[in-house]
Amino acid sequence: MPNLTYNATWDFNPADAVTLNAAFTFDLQDPSDNQTVSGVLTTLQGRTPHVTLTQTDNATISVVVTI
């Protein structure tokens, strides 16, 4: 699976909800893929996401979601 990094900046209000969305598109023509897309979905649905939050400086919070 890929490691993806995206950044967002906003004037945070503690009442704000934070939503993380990710979409993955698979190359269905890649002969080296050893699992169907439905198989990947089933595998990921069986995992528990882990969220790590760190404050990297006084203006930045890093959010890492691992599935």
PDB file of N, CA and C in Angstrom:
ATOM      1  N   MET A   1       0.851  -1.176   0.000  1.00  0.00           N
ATOM      2  CA  MET A   1       0.000   0.000   0.000  1.00  0.00           C
ATOM      3  C   MET A   1       0.895   1.237   0.000  1.00  0.00           C
ATOM      4  N   PRO A   2       0.383   2.309  -0.548  1.00  0.00           N
ATOM      5  CA  PRO A   2       1.192   3.528  -0.641  1.00  0.00           C
ATOM      6  C   PRO A   2       1.246   4.284   0.685  1.00  0.00           C
ATOM      7  N   ASN A   3       2.258   5.094   0.818  1.00  0.00           N
ATOM      8  CA  ASN A   3       2.318   6.083   1.884  1.00  0.00           C
ATOM      9  C   ASN A   3       1.974   7.417   1.237  1.00  0.00           C
ATOM     10  N   LEU A   4       0.921   8.052   1.707  1.00  0.00           N
ATOM     11  CA  LEU A   4       0.471   9.311   1.128  1.00  0.00           C
ATOM     12  C   LEU A   4       0.587  10.418   2.158  1.00  0.00           C
ATOM     13  N   THR A   5       0.994  11.599   1.727  1.00  0.00           N
ATOM     14  CA  THR A   5       1.096  12.745   2.610  1.00  0.00           C
ATOM     15  C   THR A   5       0.378  13.921   1.976  1.00  0.00           C
ATOM     16  N   TYR A   6      -0.544  14.496   2.712  1.00  0.00           N
ATOM     17  CA  TYR A   6      -1.242  15.705   2.276  1.00  0.00           C
ATOM     18  C   TYR A   6      -1.245  16.685   3.432  1.00  0.00           C
ATOM     19  N   ASN A   7      -1.302  17.958   3.118  1.00  0.00           N
ATOM     20  CA  ASN A   7      -1.300  18.995   4.138  1.00  0.00           C
ATOM     21  C   ASN A   7      -2.535  19.869   3.985  1.00  0.00           C
ATOM     22  N   ALA A   8      -3.051  20.320   5.118  1.00  0.00           N
ATOM     23  CA  ALA A   8      -4.175  21.259   5.120  1.00  0.00           C
ATOM     24  C   ALA A   8      -3.905  22.314   6.180  1.00  0.00           C
ATOM     25  N   THR A   9      -4.308  23.534   5.881  1.00  0.00           N
ATOM     26  CA  THR A   9      -4.097  24.637   6.813  1.00  0.00           C
ATOM     27  C   THR A   9      -5.403  25.382   6.990  1.00  0.00           C
ATOM     28  N   TRP A  10      -5.776  25.655   8.226  1.00  0.00           N
ATOM     29  CA  TRP A  10      -6.954  26.476   8.479  1.00  0.00           C
ATOM     30  C   TRP A  10      -6.866  27.061   9.875  1.00  0.00           C
ATOM     31  N   ASP A  11      -7.662  28.075  10.118  1.00  0.00           N
ATOM     32  CA  ASP A  11      -7.742  28.712  11.427  1.00  0.00           C
ATOM     33  C   ASP A  11      -8.644  27.836  12.283  1.00  0.00           C
ATOM     34  N   PHE A  12      -8.050  26.987  13.086  1.00  0.00           N
ATOM     35  CA  PHE A  12      -8.780  25.953  13.805  1.00  0.00           C
ATOM     36  C   PHE A  12      -9.603  26.522  14.947  1.00  0.00           C
ATOM     37  N   ASN A  13     -10.839  26.100  15.010  1.00  0.00           N
ATOM     38  CA  ASN A  13     -11.731  26.385  16.123  1.00  0.00           C
ATOM     39  C   ASN A  13     -11.957  25.048  16.827  1.00  0.00           C
ATOM     40  N   PRO A  14     -11.831  24.981  18.152  1.00  0.00           N
ATOM     41  CA  PRO A  14     -12.005  23.703  18.838  1.00  0.00           C
ATOM     42  C   PRO A  14     -13.345  23.019  18.559  1.00  0.00           C
ATOM     43  N   ALA A  15     -14.340  23.761  18.113  1.00  0.00           N
ATOM     44  CA  ALA A  15     -15.642  23.164  17.786  1.00  0.00           C
ATOM     45  C   ALA A  15     -15.674  22.571  16.377  1.00  0.00           C
ATOM     46  N   ASP A  16     -14.614  22.828  15.593  1.00  0.00           N
ATOM     47  CA  ASP A  16     -14.554  22.299  14.227  1.00  0.00           C
ATOM     48  C   ASP A  16     -14.408  20.785  14.234  1.00  0.00           C
ATOM     49  N   ALA A  17     -15.136  20.127  13.348  1.00  0.00           N
ATOM     50  CA  ALA A  17     -14.918  18.704  13.119  1.00  0.00           C
ATOM     51  C   ALA A  17     -13.783  18.549  12.120  1.00  0.00           C
ATOM     52  N   VAL A  18     -12.974  17.523  12.290  1.00  0.00           N
ATOM     53  CA  VAL A  18     -11.896  17.238  11.352  1.00  0.00           C
ATOM     54  C   VAL A  18     -12.209  15.897  10.701  1.00  0.00           C
ATOM     55  N   THR A  19     -12.305  15.894   9.378  1.00  0.00           N
ATOM     56  CA  THR A  19     -12.620  14.676   8.637  1.00  0.00           C
ATOM     57  C   THR A  19     -11.481  14.356   7.690  1.00  0.00           C
ATOM     58  N   LEU A  20     -11.001  13.122   7.754  1.00  0.00           N
ATOM     59  CA  LEU A  20      -9.961  12.662   6.833  1.00  0.00           C
ATOM     60  C   LEU A  20     -10.599  11.701   5.850  1.00  0.00           C
ATOM     61  N   ASN A  21     -10.410  11.951   4.564  1.00  0.00           N
ATOM     62  CA  ASN A  21     -10.931  11.069   3.521  1.00  0.00           C
ATOM     63  C   ASN A  21      -9.774  10.626   2.637  1.00  0.00           C
ATOM     64  N   ALA A  22      -9.817   9.377   2.222  1.00  0.00           N
ATOM     65  CA  ALA A  22      -8.806   8.868   1.294  1.00  0.00           C
ATOM     66  C   ALA A  22      -9.495   7.965   0.289  1.00  0.00           C
ATOM     67  N   ALA A  23      -9.081   8.059  -0.952  1.00  0.00           N
ATOM     68  CA  ALA A  23      -9.597   7.168  -1.999  1.00  0.00           C
ATOM     69  C   ALA A  23      -8.404   6.565  -2.720  1.00  0.00           C
ATOM     70  N   PHE A  24      -8.485   5.280  -3.000  1.00  0.00           N
ATOM     71  CA  PHE A  24      -7.409   4.576  -3.680  1.00  0.00           C
ATOM     72  C   PHE A  24      -7.954   3.975  -4.962  1.00  0.00           C
ATOM     73  N   THR A  25      -7.251   4.183  -6.046  1.00  0.00           N
ATOM     74  CA  THR A  25      -7.637   3.595  -7.325  1.00  0.00           C
ATOM     75  C   THR A  25      -6.583   2.563  -7.691  1.00  0.00           C
ATOM     76  N   PHE A  26      -7.042   1.367  -8.012  1.00  0.00           N
ATOM     77  CA  PHE A  26      -6.134   0.266  -8.297  1.00  0.00           C
ATOM     78  C   PHE A  26      -6.024   0.054  -9.795  1.00  0.00           C
ATOM     79  N   ASP A  27      -4.838  -0.290 -10.245  1.00  0.00           N
ATOM     80  CA  ASP A  27      -4.581  -0.610 -11.633  1.00  0.00           C
ATOM     81  C   ASP A  27      -5.027  -2.051 -11.870  1.00  0.00           C
ATOM     82  N   LEU A  28      -6.181  -2.218 -12.474  1.00  0.00           N
ATOM     83  CA  LEU A  28      -6.742  -3.556 -12.670  1.00  0.00           C
ATOM     84  C   LEU A  28      -6.018  -4.347 -13.752  1.00  0.00           C
ATOM     85  N   GLN A  29      -5.131  -3.683 -14.497  1.00  0.00           N
ATOM     86  CA  GLN A  29      -4.398  -4.359 -15.563  1.00  0.00           C
ATOM     87  C   GLN A  29      -2.996  -4.787 -15.127  1.00  0.00           C
ATOM     88  N   ASP A  30      -2.630  -4.517 -13.885  1.00  0.00           N
ATOM     89  CA  ASP A  30      -1.287  -4.828 -13.406  1.00  0.00           C
ATOM     90  C   ASP A  30      -1.174  -6.318 -13.095  1.00  0.00           C
ATOM     91  N   PRO A  31      -0.377  -7.061 -13.861  1.00  0.00           N
ATOM     92  CA  PRO A  31      -0.284  -8.502 -13.644  1.00  0.00           C
ATOM     93  C   PRO A  31       0.414  -8.883 -12.342  1.00  0.00           C
ATOM     94  N   SER A  32       1.080  -7.937 -11.692  1.00  0.00           N
ATOM     95  CA  SER A  32       1.760  -8.265 -10.444  1.00  0.00           C
ATOM     96  C   SER A  32       0.849  -8.141  -9.224  1.00  0.00           C
ATOM     97  N   ASP A  33      -0.362  -7.601  -9.412  1.00  0.00           N
ATOM     98  CA  ASP A  33      -1.308  -7.536  -8.297  1.00  0.00           C
ATOM     99  C   ASP A  33      -1.722  -8.957  -7.937  1.00  0.00           C
ATOM    100  N   ASN A  34      -1.649  -9.283  -6.655  1.00  0.00           N
ATOM    101  CA  ASN A  34      -1.979 -10.643  -6.252  1.00  0.00           C
ATOM    102  C   ASN A  34      -3.311 -10.721  -5.515  1.00  0.00           C
ATOM    103  N   GLN A  35      -4.067  -9.630  -5.513  1.00  0.00           N
ATOM    104  CA  GLN A  35      -5.345  -9.637  -4.814  1.00  0.00           C
ATOM    105  C   GLN A  35      -6.322  -8.750  -5.579  1.00  0.00           C
ATOM    106  N   THR A  36      -7.573  -9.171  -5.660  1.00  0.00           N
ATOM    107  CA  THR A  36      -8.588  -8.363  -6.325  1.00  0.00           C
ATOM    108  C   THR A  36      -8.915  -7.142  -5.471  1.00  0.00           C
ATOM    109  N   VAL A  37      -9.547  -6.143  -6.064  1.00  0.00           N
ATOM    110  CA  VAL A  37      -9.948  -4.951  -5.317  1.00  0.00           C
ATOM    111  C   VAL A  37     -10.907  -5.342  -4.196  1.00  0.00           C
ATOM    112  N   SER A  38     -11.835  -6.230  -4.466  1.00  0.00           N
ATOM    113  CA  SER A  38     -12.763  -6.661  -3.413  1.00  0.00           C
ATOM    114  C   SER A  38     -12.016  -7.358  -2.284  1.00  0.00           C
ATOM    115  N   GLY A  39     -10.931  -8.075  -2.624  1.00  0.00           N
ATOM    116  CA  GLY A  39     -10.115  -8.710  -1.591  1.00  0.00           C
ATOM    117  C   GLY A  39      -9.405  -7.691  -0.727  1.00  0.00           C
ATOM    118  N   VAL A  40      -8.905  -6.618  -1.360  1.00  0.00           N
ATOM    119  CA  VAL A  40      -8.262  -5.540  -0.601  1.00  0.00           C
ATOM    120  C   VAL A  40      -9.276  -4.885   0.322  1.00  0.00           C
ATOM    121  N   LEU A  41     -10.468  -4.617  -0.189  1.00  0.00           N
ATOM    122  CA  LEU A  41     -11.519  -4.000   0.629  1.00  0.00           C
ATOM    123  C   LEU A  41     -11.820  -4.861   1.844  1.00  0.00           C
ATOM    124  N   THR A  42     -11.977  -6.144   1.653  1.00  0.00           N
ATOM    125  CA  THR A  42     -12.264  -7.057   2.761  1.00  0.00           C
ATOM    126  C   THR A  42     -11.124  -7.054   3.779  1.00  0.00           C
ATOM    127  N   THR A  43      -9.900  -7.064   3.277  1.00  0.00           N
ATOM    128  CA  THR A  43      -8.736  -7.032   4.174  1.00  0.00           C
ATOM    129  C   THR A  43      -8.725  -5.762   5.012  1.00  0.00           C
ATOM    130  N   LEU A  44      -8.915  -4.605   4.370  1.00  0.00           N
ATOM    131  CA  LEU A  44      -8.870  -3.333   5.092  1.00  0.00           C
ATOM    132  C   LEU A  44     -10.041  -3.189   6.056  1.00  0.00           C
ATOM    133  N   GLN A  45     -11.214  -3.698   5.699  1.00  0.00           N
ATOM    134  CA  GLN A  45     -12.367  -3.621   6.595  1.00  0.00           C
ATOM    135  C   GLN A  45     -12.139  -4.428   7.866  1.00  0.00           C
ATOM    136  N   GLY A  46     -11.272  -5.435   7.791  1.00  0.00           N
ATOM    137  CA  GLY A  46     -10.992  -6.257   8.956  1.00  0.00           C
ATOM    138  C   GLY A  46      -9.947  -5.678   9.889  1.00  0.00           C
ATOM    139  N   ARG A  47      -9.369  -4.556   9.522  1.00  0.00           N
ATOM    140  CA  ARG A  47      -8.331  -3.938  10.345  1.00  0.00           C
ATOM    141  C   ARG A  47      -8.899  -2.799  11.174  1.00  0.00           C
ATOM    142  N   THR A  48      -8.246  -2.506  12.282  1.00  0.00           N
ATOM    143  CA  THR A  48      -8.623  -1.374  13.121  1.00  0.00           C
ATOM    144  C   THR A  48      -7.687  -0.211  12.821  1.00  0.00           C
ATOM    145  N   PRO A  49      -8.225   0.931  12.372  1.00  0.00           N
ATOM    146  CA  PRO A  49      -7.361   2.084  12.101  1.00  0.00           C
ATOM    147  C   PRO A  49      -6.694   2.574  13.389  1.00  0.00           C
ATOM    148  N   HIS A  50      -5.459   2.995  13.254  1.00  0.00           N
ATOM    149  CA  HIS A  50      -4.704   3.556  14.370  1.00  0.00           C
ATOM    150  C   HIS A  50      -4.386   5.009  14.031  1.00  0.00           C
ATOM    151  N   VAL A  51      -4.713   5.917  14.945  1.00  0.00           N
ATOM    152  CA  VAL A  51      -4.485   7.350  14.724  1.00  0.00           C
ATOM    153  C   VAL A  51      -3.395   7.826  15.681  1.00  0.00           C
ATOM    154  N   THR A  52      -2.395   8.489  15.125  1.00  0.00           N
ATOM    155  CA  THR A  52      -1.325   9.072  15.933  1.00  0.00           C
ATOM    156  C   THR A  52      -1.350  10.584  15.730  1.00  0.00           C
ATOM    157  N   LEU A  53      -1.384  11.324  16.813  1.00  0.00           N
ATOM    158  CA  LEU A  53      -1.377  12.790  16.774  1.00  0.00           C
ATOM    159  C   LEU A  53      -0.120  13.287  17.474  1.00  0.00           C
ATOM    160  N   THR A  54       0.621  14.156  16.812  1.00  0.00           N
ATOM    161  CA  THR A  54       1.796  14.762  17.426  1.00  0.00           C
ATOM    162  C   THR A  54       1.834  16.240  17.088  1.00  0.00           C
ATOM    163  N   GLN A  55       2.326  17.014  18.024  1.00  0.00           N
ATOM    164  CA  GLN A  55       2.516  18.444  17.775  1.00  0.00           C
ATOM    165  C   GLN A  55       3.972  18.638  17.404  1.00  0.00           C
ATOM    166  N   THR A  56       4.224  18.953  16.142  1.00  0.00           N
ATOM    167  CA  THR A  56       5.597  19.049  15.642  1.00  0.00           C
ATOM    168  C   THR A  56       6.234  20.414  15.903  1.00  0.00           C
ATOM    169  N   ASP A  57       5.420  21.444  16.068  1.00  0.00           N
ATOM    170  CA  ASP A  57       5.874  22.757  16.519  1.00  0.00           C
ATOM    171  C   ASP A  57       4.638  23.465  17.063  1.00  0.00           C
ATOM    172  N   ASN A  58       4.772  24.718  17.500  1.00  0.00           N
ATOM    173  CA  ASN A  58       3.624  25.353  18.160  1.00  0.00           C
ATOM    174  C   ASN A  58       2.514  25.751  17.197  1.00  0.00           C
ATOM    175  N   ALA A  59       2.676  25.503  15.892  1.00  0.00           N
ATOM    176  CA  ALA A  59       1.628  25.825  14.924  1.00  0.00           C
ATOM    177  C   ALA A  59       1.198  24.613  14.099  1.00  0.00           C
ATOM    178  N   THR A  60       1.762  23.439  14.372  1.00  0.00           N
ATOM    179  CA  THR A  60       1.533  22.294  13.505  1.00  0.00           C
ATOM    180  C   THR A  60       1.185  21.058  14.304  1.00  0.00           C
ATOM    181  N   ILE A  61       0.109  20.374  13.877  1.00  0.00           N
ATOM    182  CA  ILE A  61      -0.238  19.078  14.439  1.00  0.00           C
ATOM    183  C   ILE A  61      -0.186  18.076  13.292  1.00  0.00           C
ATOM    184  N   SER A  62       0.493  16.976  13.511  1.00  0.00           N
ATOM    185  CA  SER A  62       0.600  15.925  12.516  1.00  0.00           C
ATOM    186  C   SER A  62      -0.379  14.816  12.887  1.00  0.00           C
ATOM    187  N   VAL A  63      -1.194  14.404  11.917  1.00  0.00           N
ATOM    188  CA  VAL A  63      -2.148  13.323  12.098  1.00  0.00           C
ATOM    189  C   VAL A  63      -1.751  12.195  11.155  1.00  0.00           C
ATOM    190  N   VAL A  64      -1.487  11.026  11.713  1.00  0.00           N
ATOM    191  CA  VAL A  64      -1.131   9.855  10.918  1.00  0.00           C
ATOM    192  C   VAL A  64      -2.182   8.790  11.173  1.00  0.00           C
ATOM    193  N   VAL A  65      -2.796   8.308  10.088  1.00  0.00           N
ATOM    194  CA  VAL A  65      -3.774   7.231  10.182  1.00  0.00           C
ATOM    195  C   VAL A  65      -3.164   6.005   9.500  1.00  0.00           C
ATOM    196  N   THR A  66      -3.075   4.929  10.254  1.00  0.00           N
ATOM    197  CA  THR A  66      -2.527   3.682   9.740  1.00  0.00           C
ATOM    198  C   THR A  66      -3.624   2.619   9.768  1.00  0.00           C
ATOM    199  N   ILE A  67      -3.802   1.948   8.625  1.00  0.00           N
ATOM    200  CA  ILE A  67      -4.824   0.889   8.571  1.00  0.00           C
ATOM    201  C   ILE A  67      -4.102  -0.423   8.322  1.00  0.00           C
TER     202      ILE A  67
END
